[in-house]
Amino acid sequence: MEYIVFEDKPQTDLWMKLTLVVPIVALAVGSLFVMRENMYAGLALLGEAFLVGLVFICIIPVAYRICIDKIQIAFRIPWSFDIPFSTISMLRSPRWYTAGINLPTCFSSSRALEIVRIKRMTVNISPSNRQVFISNFEKIYGEWKRENRSAI
């Protein structure tokens, strides 16, 4: 069992919500029009709308957690993405373009946070309060560094 020291919810803006909802609504509405001509094709489109919605529910983070030895990105499904402290170089504001693992839930760069890792891809997240997340990370990461000085 992990010991969670700090947890923050993702910040979701209107643009991200629209990006997620518009394809699902378009498929569902399109299925209604197609059902007039071909019932099976309409049901297939409706099934696609359901499947796309399910995928979005599964891949959108619900929490960013700082544990005693890692940052954990939690999803609605019983799965999480762990970033051990031993692989973290720094936290910073993302640059205009980042080639890494992007798990943000908003388009605002003022909300986003880039986790730079040693010899691994960067990870982008968007906690609801970026400054509080950074200060909690620095405090917990500093304690972890003092305890694991010989492992580094």
N, C-alpha and C. Protein backbone atom coordinates (compact mmCIF):
# COMPACT_ATOMS: atom_id res chain seq x y z
N MET A 1 0.84 -1.19 0.00
CA MET A 1 0.00 0.00 0.00
C MET A 1 0.87 1.24 0.00
N GLU A 2 0.50 2.19 -0.83
CA GLU A 2 1.28 3.41 -0.95
C GLU A 2 0.82 4.44 0.06
N TYR A 3 1.78 5.22 0.51
CA TYR A 3 1.48 6.31 1.42
C TYR A 3 1.39 7.59 0.61
N ILE A 4 0.18 8.12 0.47
CA ILE A 4 -0.05 9.33 -0.32
C ILE A 4 0.11 10.54 0.59
N VAL A 5 1.03 11.43 0.21
CA VAL A 5 1.30 12.62 1.00
C VAL A 5 0.46 13.80 0.53
N PHE A 6 0.30 13.93 -0.78
CA PHE A 6 -0.47 15.05 -1.34
C PHE A 6 -1.21 14.56 -2.58
N GLU A 7 -2.44 15.05 -2.75
CA GLU A 7 -3.23 14.68 -3.92
C GLU A 7 -3.90 15.93 -4.48
N ASP A 8 -3.87 16.05 -5.78
CA ASP A 8 -4.50 17.18 -6.46
C ASP A 8 -5.32 16.66 -7.63
N LYS A 9 -6.42 17.33 -7.89
CA LYS A 9 -7.26 16.95 -9.03
C LYS A 9 -6.79 17.68 -10.28
N PRO A 10 -7.00 17.09 -11.44
CA PRO A 10 -6.62 17.77 -12.68
C PRO A 10 -7.51 18.99 -12.94
N GLN A 11 -6.91 20.00 -13.54
CA GLN A 11 -7.65 21.18 -13.97
C GLN A 11 -8.16 20.92 -15.38
N THR A 12 -9.47 20.98 -15.59
CA THR A 12 -10.04 20.77 -16.91
C THR A 12 -10.68 22.07 -17.37
N ASP A 13 -10.27 22.53 -18.53
CA ASP A 13 -10.85 23.77 -19.05
C ASP A 13 -11.93 23.47 -20.09
N LEU A 14 -12.62 24.50 -20.51
CA LEU A 14 -13.73 24.35 -21.45
C LEU A 14 -13.28 23.76 -22.78
N TRP A 15 -12.11 24.14 -23.27
CA TRP A 15 -11.63 23.65 -24.57
C TRP A 15 -11.38 22.14 -24.53
N MET A 16 -10.84 21.65 -23.43
CA MET A 16 -10.61 20.21 -23.31
C MET A 16 -11.94 19.46 -23.25
N LYS A 17 -12.90 20.00 -22.50
CA LYS A 17 -14.22 19.36 -22.43
C LYS A 17 -14.87 19.29 -23.81
N LEU A 18 -14.76 20.39 -24.57
CA LEU A 18 -15.32 20.39 -25.92
C LEU A 18 -14.60 19.40 -26.83
N THR A 19 -13.29 19.30 -26.68
CA THR A 19 -12.51 18.36 -27.49
C THR A 19 -12.94 16.92 -27.23
N LEU A 20 -13.33 16.64 -26.02
CA LEU A 20 -13.75 15.28 -25.68
C LEU A 20 -15.21 15.01 -26.02
N VAL A 21 -16.06 16.00 -25.88
CA VAL A 21 -17.50 15.79 -26.05
C VAL A 21 -17.94 15.86 -27.51
N VAL A 22 -17.35 16.74 -28.29
CA VAL A 22 -17.80 16.95 -29.67
C VAL A 22 -17.74 15.67 -30.52
N PRO A 23 -16.65 14.88 -30.49
CA PRO A 23 -16.66 13.65 -31.32
C PRO A 23 -17.73 12.64 -30.89
N ILE A 24 -17.97 12.55 -29.60
CA ILE A 24 -18.98 11.61 -29.11
C ILE A 24 -20.38 12.06 -29.54
N VAL A 25 -20.66 13.34 -29.39
CA VAL A 25 -21.96 13.87 -29.80
C VAL A 25 -22.13 13.75 -31.31
N ALA A 26 -21.08 14.03 -32.07
CA ALA A 26 -21.17 13.93 -33.53
C ALA A 26 -21.47 12.49 -33.96
N LEU A 27 -20.83 11.52 -33.35
CA LEU A 27 -21.11 10.12 -33.68
C LEU A 27 -22.53 9.73 -33.28
N ALA A 28 -22.97 10.17 -32.10
CA ALA A 28 -24.32 9.81 -31.65
C ALA A 28 -25.40 10.45 -32.53
N VAL A 29 -25.23 11.73 -32.86
CA VAL A 29 -26.21 12.41 -33.72
C VAL A 29 -26.17 11.82 -35.13
N GLY A 30 -24.97 11.55 -35.61
CA GLY A 30 -24.83 10.94 -36.93
C GLY A 30 -25.50 9.57 -36.99
N SER A 31 -25.42 8.84 -35.90
CA SER A 31 -26.06 7.52 -35.88
C SER A 31 -27.57 7.63 -36.03
N LEU A 32 -28.16 8.69 -35.48
CA LEU A 32 -29.61 8.88 -35.60
C LEU A 32 -30.01 9.12 -37.05
N PHE A 33 -29.21 9.91 -37.77
CA PHE A 33 -29.50 10.16 -39.18
C PHE A 33 -29.30 8.92 -40.03
N VAL A 34 -28.26 8.15 -39.71
CA VAL A 34 -27.95 6.95 -40.49
C VAL A 34 -28.99 5.86 -40.24
N MET A 35 -29.56 5.82 -39.04
CA MET A 35 -30.55 4.78 -38.69
C MET A 35 -31.78 4.84 -39.60
N ARG A 36 -32.07 6.01 -40.16
CA ARG A 36 -33.21 6.12 -41.06
C ARG A 36 -33.00 5.28 -42.32
N GLU A 37 -31.78 5.21 -42.79
CA GLU A 37 -31.45 4.47 -44.01
C GLU A 37 -31.06 3.02 -43.72
N ASN A 38 -30.22 2.85 -42.69
CA ASN A 38 -29.69 1.52 -42.39
C ASN A 38 -29.56 1.38 -40.87
N MET A 39 -30.43 0.55 -40.30
CA MET A 39 -30.47 0.39 -38.85
C MET A 39 -29.14 -0.13 -38.30
N TYR A 40 -28.54 -1.09 -38.98
CA TYR A 40 -27.29 -1.70 -38.48
C TYR A 40 -26.12 -0.70 -38.51
N ALA A 41 -26.04 0.09 -39.55
CA ALA A 41 -24.98 1.10 -39.64
C ALA A 41 -25.16 2.16 -38.55
N GLY A 42 -26.41 2.54 -38.29
CA GLY A 42 -26.68 3.50 -37.22
C GLY A 42 -26.31 2.96 -35.86
N LEU A 43 -26.64 1.69 -35.62
CA LEU A 43 -26.26 1.07 -34.35
C LEU A 43 -24.75 0.94 -34.22
N ALA A 44 -24.07 0.69 -35.35
CA ALA A 44 -22.61 0.62 -35.33
C ALA A 44 -22.01 1.97 -34.94
N LEU A 45 -22.55 3.06 -35.50
CA LEU A 45 -22.07 4.39 -35.13
C LEU A 45 -22.36 4.71 -33.67
N LEU A 46 -23.52 4.30 -33.19
CA LEU A 46 -23.85 4.51 -31.79
C LEU A 46 -22.89 3.73 -30.89
N GLY A 47 -22.57 2.50 -31.32
CA GLY A 47 -21.59 1.70 -30.58
C GLY A 47 -20.22 2.36 -30.57
N GLU A 48 -19.84 2.97 -31.70
CA GLU A 48 -18.57 3.70 -31.76
C GLU A 48 -18.57 4.88 -30.81
N ALA A 49 -19.69 5.60 -30.74
CA ALA A 49 -19.79 6.73 -29.81
C ALA A 49 -19.59 6.25 -28.38
N PHE A 50 -20.22 5.13 -28.05
CA PHE A 50 -20.07 4.56 -26.72
C PHE A 50 -18.62 4.16 -26.46
N LEU A 51 -17.99 3.52 -27.44
CA LEU A 51 -16.61 3.06 -27.29
C LEU A 51 -15.63 4.23 -27.14
N VAL A 52 -15.81 5.27 -27.94
CA VAL A 52 -14.96 6.45 -27.84
C VAL A 52 -15.13 7.10 -26.46
N GLY A 53 -16.36 7.20 -25.99
CA GLY A 53 -16.60 7.75 -24.66
C GLY A 53 -15.94 6.93 -23.57
N LEU A 54 -16.02 5.62 -23.70
CA LEU A 54 -15.38 4.73 -22.73
C LEU A 54 -13.86 4.89 -22.73
N VAL A 55 -13.29 5.02 -23.90
CA VAL A 55 -11.84 5.23 -24.00
C VAL A 55 -11.46 6.55 -23.33
N PHE A 56 -12.22 7.61 -23.60
CA PHE A 56 -11.93 8.90 -22.98
C PHE A 56 -12.03 8.81 -21.45
N ILE A 57 -13.02 8.12 -20.95
CA ILE A 57 -13.17 7.96 -19.51
C ILE A 57 -11.96 7.23 -18.92
N CYS A 58 -11.45 6.26 -19.65
CA CYS A 58 -10.32 5.47 -19.14
C CYS A 58 -8.98 6.19 -19.21
N ILE A 59 -8.79 7.09 -20.18
CA ILE A 59 -7.47 7.70 -20.33
C ILE A 59 -7.33 9.09 -19.71
N ILE A 60 -8.39 9.66 -19.24
CA ILE A 60 -8.32 10.98 -18.61
C ILE A 60 -7.97 10.79 -17.13
N PRO A 61 -6.90 11.43 -16.65
CA PRO A 61 -6.51 11.28 -15.24
C PRO A 61 -7.56 11.88 -14.31
N VAL A 62 -7.68 11.28 -13.12
CA VAL A 62 -8.61 11.80 -12.11
C VAL A 62 -7.87 12.38 -10.92
N ALA A 63 -6.59 12.04 -10.76
CA ALA A 63 -5.82 12.57 -9.64
C ALA A 63 -4.33 12.51 -9.94
N TYR A 64 -3.64 13.50 -9.40
CA TYR A 64 -2.18 13.51 -9.42
C TYR A 64 -1.76 13.40 -7.96
N ARG A 65 -1.04 12.34 -7.64
CA ARG A 65 -0.66 12.08 -6.24
C ARG A 65 0.85 12.13 -6.07
N ILE A 66 1.25 12.71 -4.95
CA ILE A 66 2.66 12.66 -4.57
C ILE A 66 2.76 11.70 -3.40
N CYS A 67 3.43 10.59 -3.62
CA CYS A 67 3.65 9.60 -2.57
C CYS A 67 5.04 9.84 -1.99
N ILE A 68 5.45 9.02 -1.05
CA ILE A 68 6.74 9.24 -0.40
C ILE A 68 7.93 8.94 -1.29
N ASP A 69 7.71 8.24 -2.40
CA ASP A 69 8.83 7.91 -3.28
C ASP A 69 8.51 8.04 -4.77
N LYS A 70 7.36 8.62 -5.11
CA LYS A 70 6.98 8.73 -6.52
C LYS A 70 5.84 9.71 -6.71
N ILE A 71 5.65 10.10 -7.97
CA ILE A 71 4.45 10.83 -8.38
C ILE A 71 3.59 9.81 -9.09
N GLN A 72 2.32 9.79 -8.75
CA GLN A 72 1.41 8.81 -9.32
C GLN A 72 0.27 9.54 -10.04
N ILE A 73 0.01 9.13 -11.26
CA ILE A 73 -1.11 9.68 -12.03
C ILE A 73 -2.19 8.61 -12.05
N ALA A 74 -3.32 8.89 -11.40
CA ALA A 74 -4.38 7.90 -11.24
C ALA A 74 -5.46 8.12 -12.30
N PHE A 75 -6.00 7.00 -12.78
CA PHE A 75 -7.07 7.01 -13.77
C PHE A 75 -8.32 6.38 -13.15
N ARG A 76 -9.46 6.45 -13.84
CA ARG A 76 -10.70 5.88 -13.32
C ARG A 76 -10.66 4.36 -13.26
N ILE A 77 -9.94 3.78 -14.18
CA ILE A 77 -9.80 2.33 -14.16
C ILE A 77 -8.76 1.98 -13.10
N PRO A 78 -8.73 0.76 -12.61
CA PRO A 78 -7.76 0.42 -11.56
C PRO A 78 -6.34 0.31 -12.11
N TRP A 79 -5.83 1.44 -12.58
CA TRP A 79 -4.50 1.50 -13.14
C TRP A 79 -3.96 2.89 -12.88
N SER A 80 -2.67 2.97 -12.68
CA SER A 80 -2.04 4.28 -12.49
C SER A 80 -0.68 4.28 -13.17
N PHE A 81 -0.19 5.47 -13.42
CA PHE A 81 1.11 5.65 -14.04
C PHE A 81 2.03 6.22 -12.97
N ASP A 82 3.08 5.49 -12.63
CA ASP A 82 3.99 5.90 -11.57
C ASP A 82 5.27 6.48 -12.14
N ILE A 83 5.73 7.57 -11.53
CA ILE A 83 7.00 8.19 -11.90
C ILE A 83 7.86 8.19 -10.64
N PRO A 84 8.79 7.25 -10.51
CA PRO A 84 9.64 7.20 -9.32
C PRO A 84 10.51 8.45 -9.18
N PHE A 85 10.76 8.87 -7.94
CA PHE A 85 11.60 10.03 -7.71
C PHE A 85 13.01 9.83 -8.27
N SER A 86 13.46 8.59 -8.31
CA SER A 86 14.82 8.33 -8.79
C SER A 86 14.98 8.67 -10.27
N THR A 87 13.88 8.82 -11.00
CA THR A 87 13.96 9.15 -12.43
C THR A 87 13.64 10.62 -12.70
N ILE A 88 13.28 11.39 -11.69
CA ILE A 88 12.87 12.79 -11.90
C ILE A 88 14.07 13.72 -11.79
N SER A 89 14.21 14.57 -12.80
CA SER A 89 15.27 15.56 -12.81
C SER A 89 14.76 16.89 -12.24
N MET A 90 13.59 17.35 -12.75
CA MET A 90 13.01 18.60 -12.28
C MET A 90 11.56 18.73 -12.75
N LEU A 91 10.86 19.69 -12.15
CA LEU A 91 9.53 20.10 -12.60
C LEU A 91 9.67 21.50 -13.16
N ARG A 92 8.98 21.77 -14.27
CA ARG A 92 9.05 23.10 -14.86
C ARG A 92 7.80 23.37 -15.70
N SER A 93 7.67 24.62 -16.11
CA SER A 93 6.60 24.97 -17.05
C SER A 93 6.97 24.38 -18.40
N PRO A 94 6.00 23.82 -19.12
CA PRO A 94 6.33 23.23 -20.42
C PRO A 94 6.72 24.29 -21.43
N ARG A 95 7.53 23.87 -22.37
CA ARG A 95 7.91 24.76 -23.47
C ARG A 95 6.78 24.75 -24.49
N TRP A 96 6.93 25.48 -25.54
CA TRP A 96 5.86 25.61 -26.53
C TRP A 96 5.57 24.28 -27.20
N TYR A 97 6.56 23.38 -27.24
CA TYR A 97 6.34 22.06 -27.83
C TYR A 97 7.04 21.04 -26.96
N THR A 98 6.35 19.99 -26.60
CA THR A 98 6.97 18.94 -25.80
C THR A 98 6.70 17.60 -26.47
N ALA A 99 7.74 16.83 -26.61
CA ALA A 99 7.62 15.49 -27.16
C ALA A 99 7.79 14.52 -26.01
N GLY A 100 6.70 14.11 -25.45
CA GLY A 100 6.75 13.20 -24.32
C GLY A 100 5.39 12.59 -24.07
N ILE A 101 5.18 12.18 -22.86
CA ILE A 101 3.90 11.60 -22.46
C ILE A 101 3.02 12.76 -22.00
N ASN A 102 1.97 13.04 -22.74
CA ASN A 102 1.11 14.17 -22.43
C ASN A 102 -0.18 13.69 -21.79
N LEU A 103 -0.35 14.02 -20.52
CA LEU A 103 -1.56 13.66 -19.78
C LEU A 103 -2.25 14.89 -19.19
N PRO A 104 -2.16 16.03 -19.85
CA PRO A 104 -2.84 17.20 -19.30
C PRO A 104 -4.33 17.13 -19.56
N THR A 105 -5.07 17.89 -18.80
CA THR A 105 -6.52 17.93 -18.98
C THR A 105 -6.99 19.33 -19.31
N CYS A 106 -6.06 20.19 -19.71
CA CYS A 106 -6.43 21.53 -20.18
C CYS A 106 -5.41 21.99 -21.20
N PHE A 107 -5.78 22.99 -21.97
CA PHE A 107 -4.91 23.52 -23.01
C PHE A 107 -4.09 24.71 -22.55
N SER A 108 -4.34 25.21 -21.37
CA SER A 108 -3.64 26.39 -20.86
C SER A 108 -2.23 26.02 -20.41
N SER A 109 -1.24 26.69 -20.98
CA SER A 109 0.14 26.42 -20.57
C SER A 109 0.43 26.97 -19.18
N SER A 110 -0.39 27.89 -18.68
CA SER A 110 -0.19 28.42 -17.34
C SER A 110 -0.60 27.40 -16.27
N ARG A 111 -1.38 26.41 -16.64
CA ARG A 111 -1.79 25.34 -15.72
C ARG A 111 -0.92 24.10 -15.83
N ALA A 112 -0.29 23.92 -16.98
CA ALA A 112 0.46 22.70 -17.25
C ALA A 112 1.77 22.66 -16.48
N LEU A 113 2.26 21.45 -16.29
CA LEU A 113 3.50 21.21 -15.57
C LEU A 113 4.23 20.07 -16.25
N GLU A 114 5.49 20.27 -16.51
CA GLU A 114 6.29 19.25 -17.19
C GLU A 114 7.22 18.59 -16.18
N ILE A 115 7.15 17.27 -16.12
CA ILE A 115 8.03 16.50 -15.25
C ILE A 115 9.16 15.98 -16.13
N VAL A 116 10.35 16.54 -15.93
CA VAL A 116 11.51 16.15 -16.73
C VAL A 116 12.17 14.96 -16.03
N ARG A 117 12.35 13.87 -16.80
CA ARG A 117 12.92 12.66 -16.22
C ARG A 117 14.31 12.38 -16.80
N ILE A 118 15.10 11.68 -16.03
CA ILE A 118 16.46 11.33 -16.43
C ILE A 118 16.42 10.18 -17.43
N LYS A 119 16.94 10.42 -18.64
CA LYS A 119 17.02 9.42 -19.71
C LYS A 119 15.68 8.78 -20.05
N ARG A 120 14.60 9.51 -19.85
CA ARG A 120 13.26 9.02 -20.20
C ARG A 120 12.45 10.17 -20.75
N MET A 121 11.30 9.85 -21.30
CA MET A 121 10.43 10.89 -21.86
C MET A 121 9.87 11.78 -20.75
N THR A 122 9.64 13.05 -21.08
CA THR A 122 9.01 13.94 -20.13
C THR A 122 7.53 13.60 -20.00
N VAL A 123 6.93 14.01 -18.90
CA VAL A 123 5.50 13.78 -18.67
C VAL A 123 4.86 15.13 -18.38
N ASN A 124 3.77 15.42 -19.07
CA ASN A 124 3.04 16.67 -18.87
C ASN A 124 1.72 16.41 -18.17
N ILE A 125 1.47 17.19 -17.12
CA ILE A 125 0.23 17.08 -16.36
C ILE A 125 -0.33 18.50 -16.16
N SER A 126 -1.52 18.59 -15.62
CA SER A 126 -2.11 19.90 -15.33
C SER A 126 -2.86 19.86 -14.00
N PRO A 127 -2.13 19.97 -12.89
CA PRO A 127 -2.80 19.99 -11.59
C PRO A 127 -3.64 21.26 -11.42
N SER A 128 -4.65 21.20 -10.57
CA SER A 128 -5.54 22.35 -10.41
C SER A 128 -4.82 23.54 -9.80
N ASN A 129 -3.86 23.29 -8.92
CA ASN A 129 -3.07 24.37 -8.34
C ASN A 129 -1.60 24.02 -8.52
N ARG A 130 -1.02 24.51 -9.60
CA ARG A 130 0.35 24.14 -9.97
C ARG A 130 1.37 24.52 -8.91
N GLN A 131 1.25 25.71 -8.35
CA GLN A 131 2.26 26.17 -7.38
C GLN A 131 2.23 25.34 -6.10
N VAL A 132 1.06 24.98 -5.63
CA VAL A 132 0.94 24.14 -4.43
C VAL A 132 1.50 22.75 -4.72
N PHE A 133 1.24 22.23 -5.91
CA PHE A 133 1.77 20.92 -6.30
C PHE A 133 3.30 20.95 -6.31
N ILE A 134 3.88 22.01 -6.88
CA ILE A 134 5.33 22.12 -6.96
C ILE A 134 5.94 22.24 -5.56
N SER A 135 5.34 23.06 -4.70
CA SER A 135 5.91 23.23 -3.36
C SER A 135 5.82 21.94 -2.56
N ASN A 136 4.72 21.21 -2.67
CA ASN A 136 4.61 19.92 -1.98
C ASN A 136 5.61 18.91 -2.53
N PHE A 137 5.78 18.90 -3.86
CA PHE A 137 6.76 18.00 -4.47
C PHE A 137 8.16 18.32 -3.97
N GLU A 138 8.55 19.59 -3.97
CA GLU A 138 9.89 19.96 -3.55
C GLU A 138 10.16 19.55 -2.11
N LYS A 139 9.16 19.72 -1.24
CA LYS A 139 9.33 19.34 0.16
C LYS A 139 9.50 17.82 0.29
N ILE A 140 8.64 17.06 -0.34
CA ILE A 140 8.68 15.60 -0.24
C ILE A 140 9.89 15.03 -0.96
N TYR A 141 10.23 15.61 -2.11
CA TYR A 141 11.40 15.17 -2.86
C TYR A 141 12.69 15.44 -2.09
N GLY A 142 12.76 16.58 -1.41
CA GLY A 142 13.92 16.91 -0.58
C GLY A 142 14.10 15.90 0.55
N GLU A 143 12.99 15.54 1.20
CA GLU A 143 13.05 14.52 2.27
C GLU A 143 13.49 13.17 1.70
N TRP A 144 12.95 12.81 0.54
CA TRP A 144 13.33 11.54 -0.08
C TRP A 144 14.80 11.52 -0.44
N LYS A 145 15.33 12.65 -0.94
CA LYS A 145 16.74 12.75 -1.31
C LYS A 145 17.64 12.57 -0.08
N ARG A 146 17.26 13.18 1.04
CA ARG A 146 18.06 13.04 2.27
C ARG A 146 18.08 11.60 2.75
N GLU A 147 16.95 10.92 2.66
CA GLU A 147 16.87 9.53 3.12
C GLU A 147 17.57 8.56 2.18
N ASN A 148 17.62 8.88 0.89
CA ASN A 148 18.18 7.97 -0.10
C ASN A 148 19.45 8.52 -0.74
N ARG A 149 20.22 9.23 0.03
CA ARG A 149 21.44 9.87 -0.49
C ARG A 149 22.39 8.84 -1.08
N SER A 150 22.50 7.67 -0.46
CA SER A 150 23.44 6.65 -0.94
C SER A 150 22.95 5.97 -2.22
N ALA A 151 21.64 5.97 -2.46
CA ALA A 151 21.08 5.29 -3.64
C ALA A 151 21.23 6.15 -4.89
N ILE A 152 21.44 7.44 -4.73
CA ILE A 152 21.49 8.35 -5.90
C ILE A 152 22.88 8.35 -6.50
